[in-house]
Amino acid sequence: MKATDLPGASWRKSSRSGDNFNCVEVARSGSVVGIRDSKDPGGDVLAVSASAFRSFVAGLRSGRVR
């Protein structure tokens, strides 16, 4: 999938990220969350369901996922 496949998506990165373009960006579009490399905004996007992304983030916060 490409970023253009998520029309109207507002891409964002962590507030803890620096300005050196070595970041992961995410955007939600309906029930899909897109994940891309900030160095290649027109490149490929990993698409996962919003519920799977919520579970992933919860795992990171709890320490279950590293």
PDB file of N, CA and C in Angstrom:
ATOM      1  N   MET A   1       0.838  -1.161   0.000  1.00  0.00           N
ATOM      2  CA  MET A   1       0.000   0.000   0.000  1.00  0.00           C
ATOM      3  C   MET A   1       0.892   1.236   0.000  1.00  0.00           C
ATOM      4  N   LYS A   2       0.440   2.294  -0.616  1.00  0.00           N
ATOM      5  CA  LYS A   2       1.146   3.579  -0.654  1.00  0.00           C
ATOM      6  C   LYS A   2       0.380   4.606   0.186  1.00  0.00           C
ATOM      7  N   ALA A   3       1.058   5.657   0.582  1.00  0.00           N
ATOM      8  CA  ALA A   3       0.424   6.713   1.371  1.00  0.00           C
ATOM      9  C   ALA A   3      -0.772   7.305   0.630  1.00  0.00           C
ATOM     10  N   THR A   4      -0.710   7.336  -0.684  1.00  0.00           N
ATOM     11  CA  THR A   4      -1.821   7.882  -1.472  1.00  0.00           C
ATOM     12  C   THR A   4      -3.070   7.022  -1.381  1.00  0.00           C
ATOM     13  N   ASP A   5      -2.937   5.787  -0.886  1.00  0.00           N
ATOM     14  CA  ASP A   5      -4.088   4.910  -0.702  1.00  0.00           C
ATOM     15  C   ASP A   5      -4.868   5.253   0.561  1.00  0.00           C
ATOM     16  N   LEU A   6      -4.378   6.221   1.323  1.00  0.00           N
ATOM     17  CA  LEU A   6      -5.069   6.687   2.529  1.00  0.00           C
ATOM     18  C   LEU A   6      -5.411   8.169   2.345  1.00  0.00           C
ATOM     19  N   PRO A   7      -6.353   8.465   1.456  1.00  0.00           N
ATOM     20  CA  PRO A   7      -6.666   9.867   1.166  1.00  0.00           C
ATOM     21  C   PRO A   7      -7.176  10.599   2.409  1.00  0.00           C
ATOM     22  N   GLY A   8      -6.711  11.810   2.571  1.00  0.00           N
ATOM     23  CA  GLY A   8      -7.149  12.623   3.700  1.00  0.00           C
ATOM     24  C   GLY A   8      -6.509  12.259   5.020  1.00  0.00           C
ATOM     25  N   ALA A   9      -5.599  11.289   5.008  1.00  0.00           N
ATOM     26  CA  ALA A   9      -4.952  10.868   6.255  1.00  0.00           C
ATOM     27  C   ALA A   9      -4.028  11.972   6.751  1.00  0.00           C
ATOM     28  N   SER A  10      -4.039  12.177   8.048  1.00  0.00           N
ATOM     29  CA  SER A  10      -3.159  13.162   8.674  1.00  0.00           C
ATOM     30  C   SER A  10      -2.028  12.404   9.362  1.00  0.00           C
ATOM     31  N   TRP A  11      -0.857  12.418   8.756  1.00  0.00           N
ATOM     32  CA  TRP A  11       0.284  11.669   9.267  1.00  0.00           C
ATOM     33  C   TRP A  11       0.893  12.394  10.454  1.00  0.00           C
ATOM     34  N   ARG A  12       1.275  11.632  11.467  1.00  0.00           N
ATOM     35  CA  ARG A  12       1.898  12.237  12.647  1.00  0.00           C
ATOM     36  C   ARG A  12       2.982  11.325  13.183  1.00  0.00           C
ATOM     37  N   LYS A  13       3.869  11.923  13.969  1.00  0.00           N
ATOM     38  CA  LYS A  13       4.935  11.156  14.606  1.00  0.00           C
ATOM     39  C   LYS A  13       4.934  11.491  16.086  1.00  0.00           C
ATOM     40  N   SER A  14       5.653  10.724  16.840  1.00  0.00           N
ATOM     41  CA  SER A  14       5.726  10.929  18.276  1.00  0.00           C
ATOM     42  C   SER A  14       6.280  12.307  18.603  1.00  0.00           C
ATOM     43  N   SER A  15       5.757  12.896  19.649  1.00  0.00           N
ATOM     44  CA  SER A  15       6.285  14.188  20.109  1.00  0.00           C
ATOM     45  C   SER A  15       7.703  14.034  20.642  1.00  0.00           C
ATOM     46  N   ARG A  16       8.122  12.813  20.905  1.00  0.00           N
ATOM     47  CA  ARG A  16       9.481  12.550  21.387  1.00  0.00           C
ATOM     48  C   ARG A  16      10.491  12.397  20.251  1.00  0.00           C
ATOM     49  N   SER A  17      10.002  12.413  19.022  1.00  0.00           N
ATOM     50  CA  SER A  17      10.884  12.291  17.861  1.00  0.00           C
ATOM     51  C   SER A  17      11.617  13.601  17.623  1.00  0.00           C
ATOM     52  N   GLY A  18      12.805  13.488  17.081  1.00  0.00           N
ATOM     53  CA  GLY A  18      13.577  14.675  16.729  1.00  0.00           C
ATOM     54  C   GLY A  18      13.205  15.173  15.348  1.00  0.00           C
ATOM     55  N   ASP A  19      14.002  16.065  14.827  1.00  0.00           N
ATOM     56  CA  ASP A  19      13.761  16.642  13.506  1.00  0.00           C
ATOM     57  C   ASP A  19      14.667  16.052  12.428  1.00  0.00           C
ATOM     58  N   ASN A  20      15.233  14.862  12.669  1.00  0.00           N
ATOM     59  CA  ASN A  20      16.206  14.310  11.730  1.00  0.00           C
ATOM     60  C   ASN A  20      15.611  13.320  10.730  1.00  0.00           C
ATOM     61  N   PHE A  21      14.312  13.224  10.642  1.00  0.00           N
ATOM     62  CA  PHE A  21      13.628  12.367   9.672  1.00  0.00           C
ATOM     63  C   PHE A  21      13.977  10.889   9.814  1.00  0.00           C
ATOM     64  N   ASN A  22      14.232  10.433  11.003  1.00  0.00           N
ATOM     65  CA  ASN A  22      14.434   9.007  11.276  1.00  0.00           C
ATOM     66  C   ASN A  22      13.283   8.527  12.142  1.00  0.00           C
ATOM     67  N   CYS A  23      12.080   8.742  11.673  1.00  0.00           N
ATOM     68  CA  CYS A  23      10.901   8.505  12.498  1.00  0.00           C
ATOM     69  C   CYS A  23       9.913   7.575  11.806  1.00  0.00           C
ATOM     70  N   VAL A  24       9.068   7.012  12.614  1.00  0.00           N
ATOM     71  CA  VAL A  24       7.919   6.265  12.134  1.00  0.00           C
ATOM     72  C   VAL A  24       6.725   7.202  12.246  1.00  0.00           C
ATOM     73  N   GLU A  25       5.933   7.274  11.196  1.00  0.00           N
ATOM     74  CA  GLU A  25       4.725   8.094  11.211  1.00  0.00           C
ATOM     75  C   GLU A  25       3.510   7.184  11.116  1.00  0.00           C
ATOM     76  N   VAL A  26       2.417   7.612  11.726  1.00  0.00           N
ATOM     77  CA  VAL A  26       1.176   6.847  11.677  1.00  0.00           C
ATOM     78  C   VAL A  26       0.033   7.763  11.257  1.00  0.00           C
ATOM     79  N   ALA A  27      -0.969   7.171  10.645  1.00  0.00           N
ATOM     80  CA  ALA A  27      -2.178   7.898  10.262  1.00  0.00           C
ATOM     81  C   ALA A  27      -3.342   6.924  10.295  1.00  0.00           C
ATOM     82  N   ARG A  28      -4.468   7.406  10.762  1.00  0.00           N
ATOM     83  CA  ARG A  28      -5.665   6.572  10.766  1.00  0.00           C
ATOM     84  C   ARG A  28      -6.595   7.031   9.651  1.00  0.00           C
ATOM     85  N   SER A  29      -7.143   6.063   8.963  1.00  0.00           N
ATOM     86  CA  SER A  29      -8.122   6.322   7.917  1.00  0.00           C
ATOM     87  C   SER A  29      -9.211   5.269   8.053  1.00  0.00           C
ATOM     88  N   GLY A  30     -10.318   5.655   8.632  1.00  0.00           N
ATOM     89  CA  GLY A  30     -11.389   4.694   8.886  1.00  0.00           C
ATOM     90  C   GLY A  30     -10.942   3.654   9.895  1.00  0.00           C
ATOM     91  N   SER A  31     -11.038   2.393   9.538  1.00  0.00           N
ATOM     92  CA  SER A  31     -10.665   1.312  10.455  1.00  0.00           C
ATOM     93  C   SER A  31      -9.238   0.827  10.231  1.00  0.00           C
ATOM     94  N   VAL A  32      -8.456   1.596   9.460  1.00  0.00           N
ATOM     95  CA  VAL A  32      -7.086   1.207   9.126  1.00  0.00           C
ATOM     96  C   VAL A  32      -6.102   2.229   9.689  1.00  0.00           C
ATOM     97  N   VAL A  33      -4.980   1.724  10.211  1.00  0.00           N
ATOM     98  CA  VAL A  33      -3.877   2.585  10.623  1.00  0.00           C
ATOM     99  C   VAL A  33      -2.723   2.306   9.675  1.00  0.00           C
ATOM    100  N   GLY A  34      -2.211   3.365   9.076  1.00  0.00           N
ATOM    101  CA  GLY A  34      -1.054   3.255   8.199  1.00  0.00           C
ATOM    102  C   GLY A  34       0.204   3.620   8.961  1.00  0.00           C
ATOM    103  N   ILE A  35       1.279   2.911   8.683  1.00  0.00           N
ATOM    104  CA  ILE A  35       2.569   3.143   9.335  1.00  0.00           C
ATOM    105  C   ILE A  35       3.602   3.292   8.221  1.00  0.00           C
ATOM    106  N   ARG A  36       4.382   4.388   8.266  1.00  0.00           N
ATOM    107  CA  ARG A  36       5.363   4.626   7.209  1.00  0.00           C
ATOM    108  C   ARG A  36       6.648   5.217   7.783  1.00  0.00           C
ATOM    109  N   ASP A  37       7.674   5.236   6.954  1.00  0.00           N
ATOM    110  CA  ASP A  37       8.975   5.811   7.286  1.00  0.00           C
ATOM    111  C   ASP A  37       8.961   7.288   6.899  1.00  0.00           C
ATOM    112  N   SER A  38       9.299   8.161   7.828  1.00  0.00           N
ATOM    113  CA  SER A  38       9.267   9.600   7.540  1.00  0.00           C
ATOM    114  C   SER A  38      10.266  10.004   6.458  1.00  0.00           C
ATOM    115  N   LYS A  39      11.296   9.202   6.230  1.00  0.00           N
ATOM    116  CA  LYS A  39      12.275   9.509   5.182  1.00  0.00           C
ATOM    117  C   LYS A  39      11.716   9.254   3.786  1.00  0.00           C
ATOM    118  N   ASP A  40      10.617   8.499   3.698  1.00  0.00           N
ATOM    119  CA  ASP A  40      10.043   8.135   2.405  1.00  0.00           C
ATOM    120  C   ASP A  40       8.522   8.285   2.455  1.00  0.00           C
ATOM    121  N   PRO A  41       8.023   9.519   2.570  1.00  0.00           N
ATOM    122  CA  PRO A  41       6.588   9.716   2.745  1.00  0.00           C
ATOM    123  C   PRO A  41       5.731   9.230   1.580  1.00  0.00           C
ATOM    124  N   GLY A  42       6.301   9.094   0.407  1.00  0.00           N
ATOM    125  CA  GLY A  42       5.543   8.584  -0.730  1.00  0.00           C
ATOM    126  C   GLY A  42       5.724   7.098  -0.946  1.00  0.00           C
ATOM    127  N   GLY A  43       6.467   6.469  -0.061  1.00  0.00           N
ATOM    128  CA  GLY A  43       6.786   5.054  -0.204  1.00  0.00           C
ATOM    129  C   GLY A  43       5.710   4.130   0.337  1.00  0.00           C
ATOM    130  N   ASP A  44       6.122   2.912   0.578  1.00  0.00           N
ATOM    131  CA  ASP A  44       5.194   1.895   1.051  1.00  0.00           C
ATOM    132  C   ASP A  44       4.694   2.193   2.455  1.00  0.00           C
ATOM    133  N   VAL A  45       3.482   1.711   2.722  1.00  0.00           N
ATOM    134  CA  VAL A  45       2.825   1.880   4.010  1.00  0.00           C
ATOM    135  C   VAL A  45       2.422   0.504   4.516  1.00  0.00           C
ATOM    136  N   LEU A  46       2.705   0.241   5.763  1.00  0.00           N
ATOM    137  CA  LEU A  46       2.216  -0.961   6.420  1.00  0.00           C
ATOM    138  C   LEU A  46       0.840  -0.626   6.965  1.00  0.00           C
ATOM    139  N   ALA A  47      -0.172  -1.360   6.558  1.00  0.00           N
ATOM    140  CA  ALA A  47      -1.541  -1.099   7.002  1.00  0.00           C
ATOM    141  C   ALA A  47      -1.988  -2.204   7.951  1.00  0.00           C
ATOM    142  N   VAL A  48      -2.508  -1.795   9.093  1.00  0.00           N
ATOM    143  CA  VAL A  48      -3.037  -2.740  10.080  1.00  0.00           C
ATOM    144  C   VAL A  48      -4.397  -2.227  10.539  1.00  0.00           C
ATOM    145  N   SER A  49      -5.187  -3.116  11.104  1.00  0.00           N
ATOM    146  CA  SER A  49      -6.481  -2.675  11.623  1.00  0.00           C
ATOM    147  C   SER A  49      -6.258  -1.771  12.831  1.00  0.00           C
ATOM    148  N   ALA A  50      -7.191  -0.861  13.045  1.00  0.00           N
ATOM    149  CA  ALA A  50      -7.083   0.049  14.188  1.00  0.00           C
ATOM    150  C   ALA A  50      -7.053  -0.733  15.497  1.00  0.00           C
ATOM    151  N   SER A  51      -7.814  -1.816  15.589  1.00  0.00           N
ATOM    152  CA  SER A  51      -7.824  -2.606  16.826  1.00  0.00           C
ATOM    153  C   SER A  51      -6.483  -3.303  17.045  1.00  0.00           C
ATOM    154  N   ALA A  52      -5.855  -3.783  15.981  1.00  0.00           N
ATOM    155  CA  ALA A  52      -4.533  -4.408  16.121  1.00  0.00           C
ATOM    156  C   ALA A  52      -3.499  -3.374  16.552  1.00  0.00           C
ATOM    157  N   PHE A  53      -3.598  -2.157  16.018  1.00  0.00           N
ATOM    158  CA  PHE A  53      -2.651  -1.107  16.398  1.00  0.00           C
ATOM    159  C   PHE A  53      -2.842  -0.718  17.861  1.00  0.00           C
ATOM    160  N   ARG A  54      -4.092  -0.619  18.308  1.00  0.00           N
ATOM    161  CA  ARG A  54      -4.356  -0.319  19.727  1.00  0.00           C
ATOM    162  C   ARG A  54      -3.752  -1.390  20.619  1.00  0.00           C
ATOM    163  N   SER A  55      -3.895  -2.650  20.243  1.00  0.00           N
ATOM    164  CA  SER A  55      -3.321  -3.749  21.028  1.00  0.00           C
ATOM    165  C   SER A  55      -1.801  -3.666  21.053  1.00  0.00           C
ATOM    166  N   PHE A  56      -1.193  -3.328  19.930  1.00  0.00           N
ATOM    167  CA  PHE A  56       0.256  -3.179  19.846  1.00  0.00           C
ATOM    168  C   PHE A  56       0.738  -2.067  20.774  1.00  0.00           C
ATOM    169  N   VAL A  57       0.094  -0.916  20.721  1.00  0.00           N
ATOM    170  CA  VAL A  57       0.486   0.214  21.575  1.00  0.00           C
ATOM    171  C   VAL A  57       0.285  -0.137  23.047  1.00  0.00           C
ATOM    172  N   ALA A  58      -0.805  -0.812  23.373  1.00  0.00           N
ATOM    173  CA  ALA A  58      -1.037  -1.228  24.758  1.00  0.00           C
ATOM    174  C   ALA A  58       0.066  -2.174  25.222  1.00  0.00           C
ATOM    175  N   GLY A  59       0.506  -3.066  24.346  1.00  0.00           N
ATOM    176  CA  GLY A  59       1.603  -3.975  24.676  1.00  0.00           C
ATOM    177  C   GLY A  59       2.905  -3.240  24.914  1.00  0.00           C
ATOM    178  N   LEU A  60       3.175  -2.208  24.115  1.00  0.00           N
ATOM    179  CA  LEU A  60       4.379  -1.394  24.324  1.00  0.00           C
ATOM    180  C   LEU A  60       4.331  -0.689  25.668  1.00  0.00           C
ATOM    181  N   ARG A  61       3.188  -0.108  25.967  1.00  0.00           N
ATOM    182  CA  ARG A  61       3.050   0.650  27.218  1.00  0.00           C
ATOM    183  C   ARG A  61       3.166  -0.242  28.444  1.00  0.00           C
ATOM    184  N   SER A  62       2.673  -1.469  28.341  1.00  0.00           N
ATOM    185  CA  SER A  62       2.700  -2.376  29.492  1.00  0.00           C
ATOM    186  C   SER A  62       4.024  -3.119  29.626  1.00  0.00           C
ATOM    187  N   GLY A  63       4.854  -3.064  28.583  1.00  0.00           N
ATOM    188  CA  GLY A  63       6.125  -3.774  28.611  1.00  0.00           C
ATOM    189  C   GLY A  63       6.053  -5.182  28.049  1.00  0.00           C
ATOM    190  N   ARG A  64       4.884  -5.621  27.596  1.00  0.00           N
ATOM    191  CA  ARG A  64       4.749  -6.960  27.008  1.00  0.00           C
ATOM    192  C   ARG A  64       5.424  -7.040  25.644  1.00  0.00           C
ATOM    193  N   VAL A  65       5.486  -5.913  24.940  1.00  0.00           N
ATOM    194  CA  VAL A  65       6.120  -5.847  23.623  1.00  0.00           C
ATOM    195  C   VAL A  65       7.329  -4.934  23.746  1.00  0.00           C
ATOM    196  N   ARG A  66       8.455  -5.371  23.218  1.00  0.00           N
ATOM    197  CA  ARG A  66       9.673  -4.548  23.280  1.00  0.00           C
ATOM    198  C   ARG A  66      10.270  -4.402  21.920  1.00  0.00           C
TER     199      ARG A  66
END
